[in-house]
Amino acid sequence: MNRRDALKQTVLVMGYTVSVPTILGIFASCNSSPALTWKPEFFSEDQASLISELAETILPRTKTPGAKDLKIDQFIDQLLKQVLSPEDQNHFLRGMDAFEAQAKEVNGKSFINSSAEQRVALLTKIEKDTEKTPPSVWGINMKKDATPLPFYRQVKDLTLLGYFSSEHVGKKLLRYDPIPGAYSEDVPLSQVGNISFE
């Protein structure tokens, strides 16, 4: 008997005392991945959900938009599909599998099903354990013959790239100026910056 059938039987045994919204909520929880509002082209739906939750954990919504608000997950999906070589794509997917295995080992459940505190604790641990890497572009190590970046670092780099190159952040938070004026070498930050990352 699968989980869904077991829940149906439980409801019948309880004599239909559970309200319909409660039952629907229980059935919805049978699906381990949050529902996506977009169709991934590179990732499977489960992989896209993981990337979405991971990017949002790295850059959550505060007073400024989070990674989900700016569709960073979709940006990563398209970048991996269109820019990375098949070899780099496979490295990324293997890293994703290893990351999920680590989440299950540390938290006893997948990253998506972990609590917000468990997610942050896991990423803090990985951040400390992962050695620093040389500069990269789009999550790709630029050093010749360098080993590929670890999965977490790659996702973090891609998340930050997508965030800071998004139209919203460029225009509303960073005071994007498409036609810069005269150069002034000594300007107080309070006159030119309006961003505060909280």
N, C-alpha and C. Protein backbone atom coordinates (compact mmCIF):
# COMPACT_ATOMS: atom_id res chain seq x y z
N MET A 1 0.85 -1.18 0.00
CA MET A 1 0.00 0.00 0.00
C MET A 1 0.90 1.24 0.00
N ASN A 2 0.61 2.19 -0.88
CA ASN A 2 1.43 3.41 -0.91
C ASN A 2 0.89 4.43 0.09
N ARG A 3 1.61 5.51 0.25
CA ARG A 3 1.26 6.53 1.25
C ARG A 3 -0.12 7.13 0.99
N ARG A 4 -0.42 7.39 -0.26
CA ARG A 4 -1.71 8.01 -0.60
C ARG A 4 -2.87 7.08 -0.21
N ASP A 5 -2.74 5.77 -0.53
CA ASP A 5 -3.80 4.82 -0.15
C ASP A 5 -3.93 4.71 1.36
N ALA A 6 -2.79 4.75 2.06
CA ALA A 6 -2.83 4.68 3.53
C ALA A 6 -3.57 5.88 4.10
N LEU A 7 -3.36 7.05 3.54
CA LEU A 7 -4.06 8.25 4.02
C LEU A 7 -5.56 8.15 3.76
N LYS A 8 -5.92 7.63 2.59
CA LYS A 8 -7.34 7.47 2.29
C LYS A 8 -8.00 6.53 3.30
N GLN A 9 -7.33 5.42 3.61
CA GLN A 9 -7.87 4.46 4.57
C GLN A 9 -8.01 5.09 5.96
N THR A 10 -7.02 5.91 6.34
CA THR A 10 -7.06 6.57 7.64
C THR A 10 -8.27 7.49 7.73
N VAL A 11 -8.54 8.22 6.65
CA VAL A 11 -9.70 9.12 6.63
C VAL A 11 -10.99 8.33 6.78
N LEU A 12 -11.09 7.19 6.09
CA LEU A 12 -12.31 6.37 6.19
C LEU A 12 -12.50 5.85 7.61
N VAL A 13 -11.40 5.42 8.25
CA VAL A 13 -11.48 4.89 9.61
C VAL A 13 -11.92 5.98 10.58
N MET A 14 -11.51 7.21 10.34
CA MET A 14 -11.86 8.32 11.23
C MET A 14 -13.32 8.74 11.05
N GLY A 15 -14.04 8.09 10.17
CA GLY A 15 -15.46 8.37 9.99
C GLY A 15 -15.72 9.70 9.33
N TYR A 16 -14.81 10.08 8.41
CA TYR A 16 -14.99 11.30 7.64
C TYR A 16 -15.07 12.56 8.52
N THR A 17 -14.41 12.53 9.68
CA THR A 17 -14.45 13.69 10.57
C THR A 17 -13.44 14.77 10.17
N VAL A 18 -12.55 14.44 9.27
CA VAL A 18 -11.56 15.41 8.83
C VAL A 18 -12.17 16.27 7.73
N SER A 19 -11.96 17.57 7.78
CA SER A 19 -12.54 18.46 6.77
C SER A 19 -11.87 18.28 5.42
N VAL A 20 -12.58 18.64 4.38
CA VAL A 20 -12.07 18.51 3.02
C VAL A 20 -10.77 19.29 2.82
N PRO A 21 -10.65 20.57 3.27
CA PRO A 21 -9.38 21.28 3.08
C PRO A 21 -8.20 20.58 3.75
N THR A 22 -8.45 19.96 4.91
CA THR A 22 -7.37 19.24 5.59
C THR A 22 -6.92 18.04 4.77
N ILE A 23 -7.89 17.32 4.22
CA ILE A 23 -7.57 16.15 3.39
C ILE A 23 -6.77 16.59 2.17
N LEU A 24 -7.22 17.66 1.52
CA LEU A 24 -6.50 18.14 0.34
C LEU A 24 -5.08 18.56 0.69
N GLY A 25 -4.92 19.17 1.87
CA GLY A 25 -3.59 19.57 2.31
C GLY A 25 -2.68 18.37 2.53
N ILE A 26 -3.24 17.30 3.09
CA ILE A 26 -2.46 16.08 3.32
C ILE A 26 -2.05 15.47 1.98
N PHE A 27 -2.99 15.40 1.03
CA PHE A 27 -2.66 14.84 -0.28
C PHE A 27 -1.61 15.68 -0.99
N ALA A 28 -1.71 16.99 -0.85
CA ALA A 28 -0.72 17.86 -1.50
C ALA A 28 0.66 17.63 -0.92
N SER A 29 0.73 17.29 0.38
CA SER A 29 2.03 17.07 1.01
C SER A 29 2.68 15.76 0.57
N CYS A 30 1.93 14.90 -0.11
CA CYS A 30 2.50 13.66 -0.62
C CYS A 30 3.54 13.95 -1.69
N ASN A 31 3.41 15.07 -2.36
CA ASN A 31 4.38 15.46 -3.38
C ASN A 31 5.56 16.12 -2.68
N SER A 32 6.76 15.53 -2.78
CA SER A 32 7.91 16.01 -2.01
C SER A 32 8.47 17.32 -2.54
N SER A 33 8.25 17.65 -3.79
CA SER A 33 8.82 18.86 -4.36
C SER A 33 7.77 19.96 -4.44
N PRO A 34 8.17 21.20 -4.08
CA PRO A 34 7.22 22.31 -4.24
C PRO A 34 6.84 22.46 -5.71
N ALA A 35 5.61 22.87 -5.95
CA ALA A 35 5.15 23.04 -7.33
C ALA A 35 5.90 24.20 -8.00
N LEU A 36 6.36 23.96 -9.20
CA LEU A 36 7.04 25.01 -9.95
C LEU A 36 6.01 25.82 -10.73
N THR A 37 6.31 27.07 -10.92
CA THR A 37 5.44 27.93 -11.72
C THR A 37 6.01 28.13 -13.12
N TRP A 38 7.05 27.40 -13.45
CA TRP A 38 7.70 27.50 -14.76
C TRP A 38 8.14 26.11 -15.20
N LYS A 39 8.39 25.95 -16.49
CA LYS A 39 8.79 24.64 -17.03
C LYS A 39 10.29 24.64 -17.30
N PRO A 40 11.05 23.83 -16.55
CA PRO A 40 12.49 23.78 -16.79
C PRO A 40 12.82 23.15 -18.14
N GLU A 41 13.90 23.62 -18.74
CA GLU A 41 14.34 23.08 -20.03
C GLU A 41 15.57 22.19 -19.89
N PHE A 42 16.40 22.45 -18.88
CA PHE A 42 17.58 21.62 -18.65
C PHE A 42 17.34 20.64 -17.51
N PHE A 43 16.82 21.12 -16.41
CA PHE A 43 16.61 20.30 -15.22
C PHE A 43 15.31 19.49 -15.32
N SER A 44 15.24 18.43 -14.53
CA SER A 44 13.95 17.78 -14.29
C SER A 44 13.20 18.68 -13.30
N GLU A 45 11.92 18.41 -13.08
CA GLU A 45 11.16 19.25 -12.15
C GLU A 45 11.71 19.17 -10.74
N ASP A 46 12.12 17.97 -10.29
CA ASP A 46 12.70 17.83 -8.94
C ASP A 46 14.01 18.58 -8.84
N GLN A 47 14.85 18.50 -9.87
CA GLN A 47 16.12 19.22 -9.86
C GLN A 47 15.88 20.73 -9.85
N ALA A 48 14.91 21.19 -10.64
CA ALA A 48 14.60 22.61 -10.69
C ALA A 48 14.08 23.10 -9.34
N SER A 49 13.30 22.27 -8.65
CA SER A 49 12.81 22.64 -7.32
C SER A 49 13.97 22.77 -6.34
N LEU A 50 14.93 21.86 -6.44
CA LEU A 50 16.11 21.93 -5.57
C LEU A 50 16.89 23.21 -5.83
N ILE A 51 17.13 23.53 -7.10
CA ILE A 51 17.87 24.75 -7.45
C ILE A 51 17.12 25.98 -6.96
N SER A 52 15.81 25.97 -7.11
CA SER A 52 14.98 27.09 -6.68
C SER A 52 15.11 27.31 -5.18
N GLU A 53 15.00 26.24 -4.40
CA GLU A 53 15.08 26.36 -2.94
C GLU A 53 16.51 26.70 -2.49
N LEU A 54 17.50 26.14 -3.17
CA LEU A 54 18.89 26.44 -2.82
C LEU A 54 19.22 27.90 -3.10
N ALA A 55 18.83 28.40 -4.26
CA ALA A 55 19.08 29.81 -4.60
C ALA A 55 18.36 30.73 -3.62
N GLU A 56 17.14 30.38 -3.23
CA GLU A 56 16.38 31.20 -2.29
C GLU A 56 17.00 31.17 -0.90
N THR A 57 17.63 30.05 -0.53
CA THR A 57 18.32 29.98 0.76
C THR A 57 19.57 30.85 0.74
N ILE A 58 20.24 30.89 -0.41
CA ILE A 58 21.43 31.74 -0.55
C ILE A 58 21.03 33.21 -0.54
N LEU A 59 19.98 33.56 -1.27
CA LEU A 59 19.50 34.95 -1.36
C LEU A 59 18.00 35.00 -1.07
N PRO A 60 17.64 34.97 0.22
CA PRO A 60 16.21 35.00 0.56
C PRO A 60 15.61 36.39 0.41
N ARG A 61 14.31 36.43 0.32
CA ARG A 61 13.60 37.71 0.25
C ARG A 61 13.68 38.39 1.62
N THR A 62 14.06 39.64 1.63
CA THR A 62 14.03 40.47 2.83
C THR A 62 13.32 41.76 2.42
N LYS A 63 13.97 42.90 2.63
CA LYS A 63 13.40 44.15 2.13
C LYS A 63 13.64 44.25 0.62
N THR A 64 14.54 43.44 0.13
CA THR A 64 14.82 43.37 -1.30
C THR A 64 14.32 42.02 -1.82
N PRO A 65 14.07 41.91 -3.12
CA PRO A 65 13.56 40.64 -3.67
C PRO A 65 14.56 39.50 -3.47
N GLY A 66 14.03 38.31 -3.32
CA GLY A 66 14.86 37.12 -3.19
C GLY A 66 15.11 36.48 -4.55
N ALA A 67 15.84 35.37 -4.52
CA ALA A 67 16.20 34.67 -5.76
C ALA A 67 14.96 34.20 -6.52
N LYS A 68 13.95 33.71 -5.82
CA LYS A 68 12.74 33.25 -6.51
C LYS A 68 12.00 34.42 -7.16
N ASP A 69 11.95 35.55 -6.46
CA ASP A 69 11.26 36.72 -7.00
C ASP A 69 11.86 37.14 -8.33
N LEU A 70 13.18 37.01 -8.45
CA LEU A 70 13.88 37.45 -9.65
C LEU A 70 14.11 36.31 -10.65
N LYS A 71 13.52 35.16 -10.35
CA LYS A 71 13.58 34.00 -11.27
C LYS A 71 15.01 33.54 -11.53
N ILE A 72 15.82 33.53 -10.48
CA ILE A 72 17.21 33.10 -10.61
C ILE A 72 17.27 31.62 -10.98
N ASP A 73 16.31 30.82 -10.50
CA ASP A 73 16.29 29.40 -10.85
C ASP A 73 16.14 29.20 -12.35
N GLN A 74 15.29 30.02 -12.98
CA GLN A 74 15.11 29.94 -14.43
C GLN A 74 16.37 30.40 -15.17
N PHE A 75 17.02 31.41 -14.62
CA PHE A 75 18.28 31.90 -15.20
C PHE A 75 19.32 30.78 -15.18
N ILE A 76 19.46 30.07 -14.06
CA ILE A 76 20.44 28.99 -13.96
C ILE A 76 20.09 27.87 -14.92
N ASP A 77 18.81 27.54 -15.02
CA ASP A 77 18.36 26.49 -15.94
C ASP A 77 18.77 26.83 -17.38
N GLN A 78 18.52 28.06 -17.80
CA GLN A 78 18.85 28.47 -19.17
C GLN A 78 20.36 28.55 -19.39
N LEU A 79 21.08 29.07 -18.40
CA LEU A 79 22.52 29.20 -18.55
C LEU A 79 23.18 27.83 -18.69
N LEU A 80 22.77 26.88 -17.86
CA LEU A 80 23.34 25.54 -17.94
C LEU A 80 23.02 24.90 -19.29
N LYS A 81 21.81 25.12 -19.78
CA LYS A 81 21.42 24.53 -21.06
C LYS A 81 22.18 25.14 -22.23
N GLN A 82 22.34 26.45 -22.21
CA GLN A 82 22.87 27.15 -23.38
C GLN A 82 24.38 27.40 -23.36
N VAL A 83 24.99 27.43 -22.18
CA VAL A 83 26.39 27.84 -22.10
C VAL A 83 27.35 26.71 -21.77
N LEU A 84 27.00 25.86 -20.81
CA LEU A 84 27.95 24.84 -20.37
C LEU A 84 28.07 23.69 -21.37
N SER A 85 29.26 23.12 -21.42
CA SER A 85 29.49 21.96 -22.28
C SER A 85 28.80 20.75 -21.66
N PRO A 86 28.56 19.70 -22.46
CA PRO A 86 27.95 18.49 -21.89
C PRO A 86 28.75 17.93 -20.71
N GLU A 87 30.07 18.03 -20.79
CA GLU A 87 30.92 17.55 -19.69
C GLU A 87 30.67 18.37 -18.41
N ASP A 88 30.62 19.69 -18.55
CA ASP A 88 30.35 20.55 -17.40
C ASP A 88 28.93 20.37 -16.87
N GLN A 89 27.99 20.13 -17.77
CA GLN A 89 26.61 19.86 -17.34
C GLN A 89 26.56 18.59 -16.49
N ASN A 90 27.25 17.54 -16.96
CA ASN A 90 27.27 16.27 -16.22
C ASN A 90 27.94 16.45 -14.86
N HIS A 91 29.02 17.23 -14.81
CA HIS A 91 29.70 17.51 -13.53
C HIS A 91 28.72 18.20 -12.58
N PHE A 92 27.97 19.15 -13.08
CA PHE A 92 27.00 19.88 -12.26
C PHE A 92 25.94 18.93 -11.71
N LEU A 93 25.40 18.07 -12.55
CA LEU A 93 24.35 17.14 -12.12
C LEU A 93 24.87 16.11 -11.11
N ARG A 94 26.12 15.65 -11.31
CA ARG A 94 26.72 14.75 -10.33
C ARG A 94 26.90 15.46 -8.99
N GLY A 95 27.31 16.71 -9.05
CA GLY A 95 27.45 17.51 -7.83
C GLY A 95 26.12 17.70 -7.13
N MET A 96 25.06 17.87 -7.91
CA MET A 96 23.72 18.03 -7.34
C MET A 96 23.32 16.75 -6.60
N ASP A 97 23.60 15.60 -7.19
CA ASP A 97 23.28 14.32 -6.53
C ASP A 97 24.06 14.18 -5.23
N ALA A 98 25.34 14.55 -5.25
CA ALA A 98 26.17 14.46 -4.05
C ALA A 98 25.67 15.42 -2.97
N PHE A 99 25.22 16.61 -3.40
CA PHE A 99 24.68 17.59 -2.46
C PHE A 99 23.43 17.05 -1.78
N GLU A 100 22.55 16.45 -2.55
CA GLU A 100 21.33 15.86 -1.98
C GLU A 100 21.67 14.74 -1.01
N ALA A 101 22.66 13.92 -1.38
CA ALA A 101 23.08 12.83 -0.49
C ALA A 101 23.61 13.40 0.83
N GLN A 102 24.37 14.49 0.74
CA GLN A 102 24.90 15.12 1.95
C GLN A 102 23.77 15.70 2.81
N ALA A 103 22.77 16.31 2.17
CA ALA A 103 21.63 16.85 2.91
C ALA A 103 20.91 15.73 3.66
N LYS A 104 20.72 14.58 3.01
CA LYS A 104 20.05 13.45 3.64
C LYS A 104 20.88 12.89 4.79
N GLU A 105 22.19 12.89 4.61
CA GLU A 105 23.08 12.38 5.67
C GLU A 105 23.06 13.31 6.89
N VAL A 106 23.13 14.62 6.65
CA VAL A 106 23.21 15.59 7.74
C VAL A 106 21.84 15.83 8.39
N ASN A 107 20.80 15.99 7.56
CA ASN A 107 19.47 16.36 8.08
C ASN A 107 18.50 15.19 8.17
N GLY A 108 18.86 14.06 7.59
CA GLY A 108 17.96 12.92 7.60
C GLY A 108 16.84 13.03 6.59
N LYS A 109 16.91 14.05 5.72
CA LYS A 109 15.89 14.25 4.68
C LYS A 109 16.50 15.09 3.56
N SER A 110 15.78 15.18 2.44
CA SER A 110 16.29 15.94 1.31
C SER A 110 16.38 17.42 1.66
N PHE A 111 17.12 18.16 0.86
CA PHE A 111 17.28 19.60 1.10
C PHE A 111 15.92 20.30 1.06
N ILE A 112 15.09 19.95 0.10
CA ILE A 112 13.78 20.58 -0.05
C ILE A 112 12.90 20.34 1.17
N ASN A 113 12.97 19.15 1.75
CA ASN A 113 12.13 18.82 2.89
C ASN A 113 12.75 19.24 4.23
N SER A 114 13.96 19.77 4.21
CA SER A 114 14.61 20.26 5.42
C SER A 114 13.99 21.59 5.83
N SER A 115 14.06 21.88 7.12
CA SER A 115 13.56 23.17 7.60
C SER A 115 14.51 24.28 7.17
N ALA A 116 14.05 25.51 7.28
CA ALA A 116 14.91 26.66 6.90
C ALA A 116 16.18 26.66 7.74
N GLU A 117 16.07 26.34 9.03
CA GLU A 117 17.25 26.31 9.90
C GLU A 117 18.21 25.21 9.48
N GLN A 118 17.69 24.04 9.12
CA GLN A 118 18.54 22.94 8.68
C GLN A 118 19.25 23.29 7.37
N ARG A 119 18.54 23.98 6.48
CA ARG A 119 19.14 24.38 5.21
C ARG A 119 20.32 25.33 5.44
N VAL A 120 20.08 26.34 6.28
CA VAL A 120 21.14 27.32 6.57
C VAL A 120 22.33 26.64 7.25
N ALA A 121 22.06 25.74 8.20
CA ALA A 121 23.13 25.04 8.90
C ALA A 121 23.95 24.19 7.91
N LEU A 122 23.27 23.52 6.98
CA LEU A 122 23.97 22.70 5.99
C LEU A 122 24.85 23.57 5.09
N LEU A 123 24.30 24.68 4.59
CA LEU A 123 25.09 25.56 3.72
C LEU A 123 26.25 26.20 4.46
N THR A 124 26.06 26.52 5.74
CA THR A 124 27.15 27.07 6.55
C THR A 124 28.26 26.04 6.69
N LYS A 125 27.89 24.79 6.93
CA LYS A 125 28.88 23.71 7.04
C LYS A 125 29.63 23.52 5.73
N ILE A 126 28.89 23.49 4.62
CA ILE A 126 29.52 23.30 3.31
C ILE A 126 30.44 24.49 3.00
N GLU A 127 30.00 25.69 3.34
CA GLU A 127 30.80 26.90 3.10
C GLU A 127 32.14 26.80 3.82
N LYS A 128 32.12 26.31 5.06
CA LYS A 128 33.36 26.18 5.83
C LYS A 128 34.24 25.06 5.30
N ASP A 129 33.60 23.95 4.89
CA ASP A 129 34.36 22.77 4.47
C ASP A 129 34.91 22.88 3.05
N THR A 130 34.29 23.70 2.21
CA THR A 130 34.71 23.81 0.81
C THR A 130 35.86 24.80 0.71
N GLU A 131 36.95 24.36 0.11
CA GLU A 131 38.08 25.27 -0.02
C GLU A 131 37.76 26.41 -0.97
N LYS A 132 38.42 27.53 -0.72
CA LYS A 132 38.22 28.70 -1.57
C LYS A 132 38.72 28.39 -2.97
N THR A 133 38.09 28.99 -3.94
CA THR A 133 38.43 28.70 -5.34
C THR A 133 38.92 29.97 -6.03
N PRO A 134 39.68 29.82 -7.11
CA PRO A 134 40.10 30.99 -7.86
C PRO A 134 38.92 31.66 -8.55
N PRO A 135 39.11 32.86 -9.08
CA PRO A 135 38.00 33.57 -9.74
C PRO A 135 37.36 32.72 -10.83
N SER A 136 36.05 32.91 -10.96
CA SER A 136 35.31 32.18 -11.98
C SER A 136 34.33 33.12 -12.67
N VAL A 137 33.89 32.72 -13.84
CA VAL A 137 32.89 33.46 -14.59
C VAL A 137 31.74 32.49 -14.85
N TRP A 138 30.52 32.88 -14.49
CA TRP A 138 29.34 32.03 -14.65
C TRP A 138 29.52 30.68 -13.98
N GLY A 139 30.23 30.68 -12.86
CA GLY A 139 30.43 29.42 -12.14
C GLY A 139 31.44 28.51 -12.79
N ILE A 140 32.20 29.02 -13.77
CA ILE A 140 33.21 28.22 -14.47
C ILE A 140 34.58 28.72 -14.06
N ASN A 141 35.40 27.82 -13.54
CA ASN A 141 36.75 28.18 -13.11
C ASN A 141 37.57 28.62 -14.33
N MET A 142 38.19 29.81 -14.25
CA MET A 142 38.90 30.36 -15.40
C MET A 142 40.38 29.96 -15.45
N LYS A 143 40.87 29.29 -14.42
CA LYS A 143 42.26 28.84 -14.41
C LYS A 143 42.43 27.66 -15.36
N LYS A 144 43.47 27.69 -16.17
CA LYS A 144 43.69 26.63 -17.15
C LYS A 144 43.91 25.29 -16.45
N ASP A 145 43.26 24.25 -16.95
CA ASP A 145 43.38 22.89 -16.42
C ASP A 145 42.99 22.80 -14.94
N ALA A 146 42.15 23.70 -14.48
CA ALA A 146 41.71 23.65 -13.08
C ALA A 146 40.60 22.63 -12.93
N THR A 147 40.49 22.09 -11.74
CA THR A 147 39.38 21.17 -11.48
C THR A 147 38.09 21.97 -11.45
N PRO A 148 36.99 21.38 -11.86
CA PRO A 148 35.72 22.12 -11.87
C PRO A 148 35.33 22.57 -10.46
N LEU A 149 34.59 23.65 -10.40
CA LEU A 149 34.14 24.16 -9.12
C LEU A 149 33.20 23.16 -8.46
N PRO A 150 33.24 23.07 -7.12
CA PRO A 150 32.26 22.22 -6.43
C PRO A 150 30.84 22.74 -6.67
N PHE A 151 29.88 21.86 -6.58
CA PHE A 151 28.48 22.19 -6.88
C PHE A 151 27.99 23.41 -6.11
N TYR A 152 28.20 23.41 -4.79
CA TYR A 152 27.68 24.52 -3.99
C TYR A 152 28.27 25.85 -4.45
N ARG A 153 29.56 25.90 -4.69
CA ARG A 153 30.21 27.14 -5.13
C ARG A 153 29.67 27.57 -6.50
N GLN A 154 29.45 26.60 -7.36
CA GLN A 154 28.93 26.90 -8.69
C GLN A 154 27.53 27.52 -8.60
N VAL A 155 26.66 26.92 -7.78
CA VAL A 155 25.31 27.45 -7.63
C VAL A 155 25.35 28.83 -6.99
N LYS A 156 26.22 29.00 -6.01
CA LYS A 156 26.33 30.31 -5.34
C LYS A 156 26.79 31.37 -6.34
N ASP A 157 27.81 31.06 -7.14
CA ASP A 157 28.29 32.01 -8.16
C ASP A 157 27.19 32.35 -9.16
N LEU A 158 26.48 31.34 -9.63
CA LEU A 158 25.42 31.56 -10.62
C LEU A 158 24.26 32.35 -10.02
N THR A 159 23.96 32.10 -8.76
CA THR A 159 22.89 32.83 -8.08
C THR A 159 23.25 34.32 -7.98
N LEU A 160 24.48 34.59 -7.57
CA LEU A 160 24.92 35.99 -7.45
C LEU A 160 25.00 36.66 -8.81
N LEU A 161 25.48 35.92 -9.81
CA LEU A 161 25.53 36.48 -11.17
C LEU A 161 24.12 36.84 -11.65
N GLY A 162 23.18 35.92 -11.49
CA GLY A 162 21.81 36.18 -11.91
C GLY A 162 21.19 37.33 -11.15
N TYR A 163 21.48 37.41 -9.86
CA TYR A 163 20.90 38.46 -9.03
C TYR A 163 21.41 39.84 -9.46
N PHE A 164 22.72 39.98 -9.54
CA PHE A 164 23.29 41.31 -9.81
C PHE A 164 23.20 41.72 -11.28
N SER A 165 22.89 40.78 -12.16
CA SER A 165 22.70 41.15 -13.56
C SER A 165 21.22 41.24 -13.93
N SER A 166 20.34 41.06 -12.93
CA SER A 166 18.91 41.17 -13.21
C SER A 166 18.51 42.63 -13.41
N GLU A 167 17.49 42.84 -14.20
CA GLU A 167 17.03 44.19 -14.50
C GLU A 167 16.56 44.91 -13.24
N HIS A 168 15.83 44.21 -12.39
CA HIS A 168 15.29 44.84 -11.17
C HIS A 168 16.42 45.36 -10.28
N VAL A 169 17.41 44.51 -10.01
CA VAL A 169 18.51 44.92 -9.13
C VAL A 169 19.31 46.03 -9.79
N GLY A 170 19.58 45.91 -11.09
CA GLY A 170 20.36 46.93 -11.79
C GLY A 170 19.69 48.28 -11.79
N LYS A 171 18.38 48.30 -11.99
CA LYS A 171 17.68 49.58 -12.11
C LYS A 171 17.18 50.13 -10.78
N LYS A 172 16.69 49.24 -9.89
CA LYS A 172 16.04 49.74 -8.68
C LYS A 172 16.94 49.75 -7.46
N LEU A 173 17.93 48.89 -7.41
CA LEU A 173 18.75 48.79 -6.21
C LEU A 173 20.16 49.34 -6.38
N LEU A 174 20.71 49.21 -7.56
CA LEU A 174 22.09 49.63 -7.77
C LEU A 174 22.22 50.95 -8.51
N ARG A 175 21.13 51.63 -8.71
CA ARG A 175 21.14 52.91 -9.43
C ARG A 175 21.83 52.77 -10.79
N TYR A 176 21.29 51.90 -11.58
CA TYR A 176 21.80 51.66 -12.93
C TYR A 176 21.76 52.97 -13.73
N ASP A 177 22.87 53.29 -14.36
CA ASP A 177 22.96 54.50 -15.17
C ASP A 177 23.44 54.11 -16.57
N PRO A 178 22.53 53.98 -17.53
CA PRO A 178 22.93 53.51 -18.87
C PRO A 178 23.84 54.50 -19.59
N ILE A 179 23.77 55.78 -19.24
CA ILE A 179 24.64 56.79 -19.86
C ILE A 179 25.34 57.54 -18.73
N PRO A 180 26.50 57.03 -18.31
CA PRO A 180 27.18 57.67 -17.18
C PRO A 180 27.63 59.09 -17.51
N GLY A 181 27.65 59.91 -16.47
CA GLY A 181 28.08 61.30 -16.64
C GLY A 181 29.57 61.46 -16.41
N ALA A 182 29.95 62.63 -15.93
CA ALA A 182 31.36 62.94 -15.70
C ALA A 182 31.93 62.08 -14.58
N TYR A 183 33.22 61.84 -14.62
CA TYR A 183 33.89 61.06 -13.59
C TYR A 183 34.19 61.94 -12.37
N SER A 184 33.79 61.48 -11.21
CA SER A 184 34.11 62.15 -9.95
C SER A 184 34.82 61.14 -9.07
N GLU A 185 36.05 61.47 -8.68
CA GLU A 185 36.88 60.47 -7.98
C GLU A 185 36.57 60.35 -6.50
N ASP A 186 35.91 61.33 -5.89
CA ASP A 186 35.69 61.27 -4.44
C ASP A 186 34.24 61.66 -4.13
N VAL A 187 33.35 60.66 -4.20
CA VAL A 187 31.94 60.90 -3.96
C VAL A 187 31.50 60.02 -2.79
N PRO A 188 30.87 60.61 -1.78
CA PRO A 188 30.39 59.79 -0.65
C PRO A 188 29.39 58.75 -1.12
N LEU A 189 29.50 57.57 -0.55
CA LEU A 189 28.61 56.47 -0.91
C LEU A 189 27.15 56.85 -0.70
N SER A 190 26.87 57.65 0.30
CA SER A 190 25.48 58.04 0.58
C SER A 190 24.84 58.80 -0.58
N GLN A 191 25.66 59.39 -1.45
CA GLN A 191 25.11 60.13 -2.59
C GLN A 191 24.85 59.24 -3.80
N VAL A 192 25.52 58.10 -3.86
CA VAL A 192 25.38 57.28 -5.07
C VAL A 192 24.75 55.93 -4.83
N GLY A 193 24.76 55.43 -3.60
CA GLY A 193 24.23 54.09 -3.35
C GLY A 193 22.94 54.13 -2.59
N ASN A 194 22.03 53.28 -2.94
CA ASN A 194 20.78 53.21 -2.19
C ASN A 194 20.44 51.79 -1.81
N ILE A 195 21.43 50.91 -1.86
CA ILE A 195 21.15 49.49 -1.59
C ILE A 195 21.56 49.13 -0.18
N SER A 196 20.74 48.34 0.44
CA SER A 196 21.13 47.79 1.73
C SER A 196 20.64 46.37 1.74
N PHE A 197 21.57 45.43 1.80
CA PHE A 197 21.22 44.01 1.76
C PHE A 197 20.98 43.54 3.19
N GLU A 198 19.76 43.22 3.50
CA GLU A 198 19.42 42.76 4.86
C GLU A 198 18.74 41.41 4.77
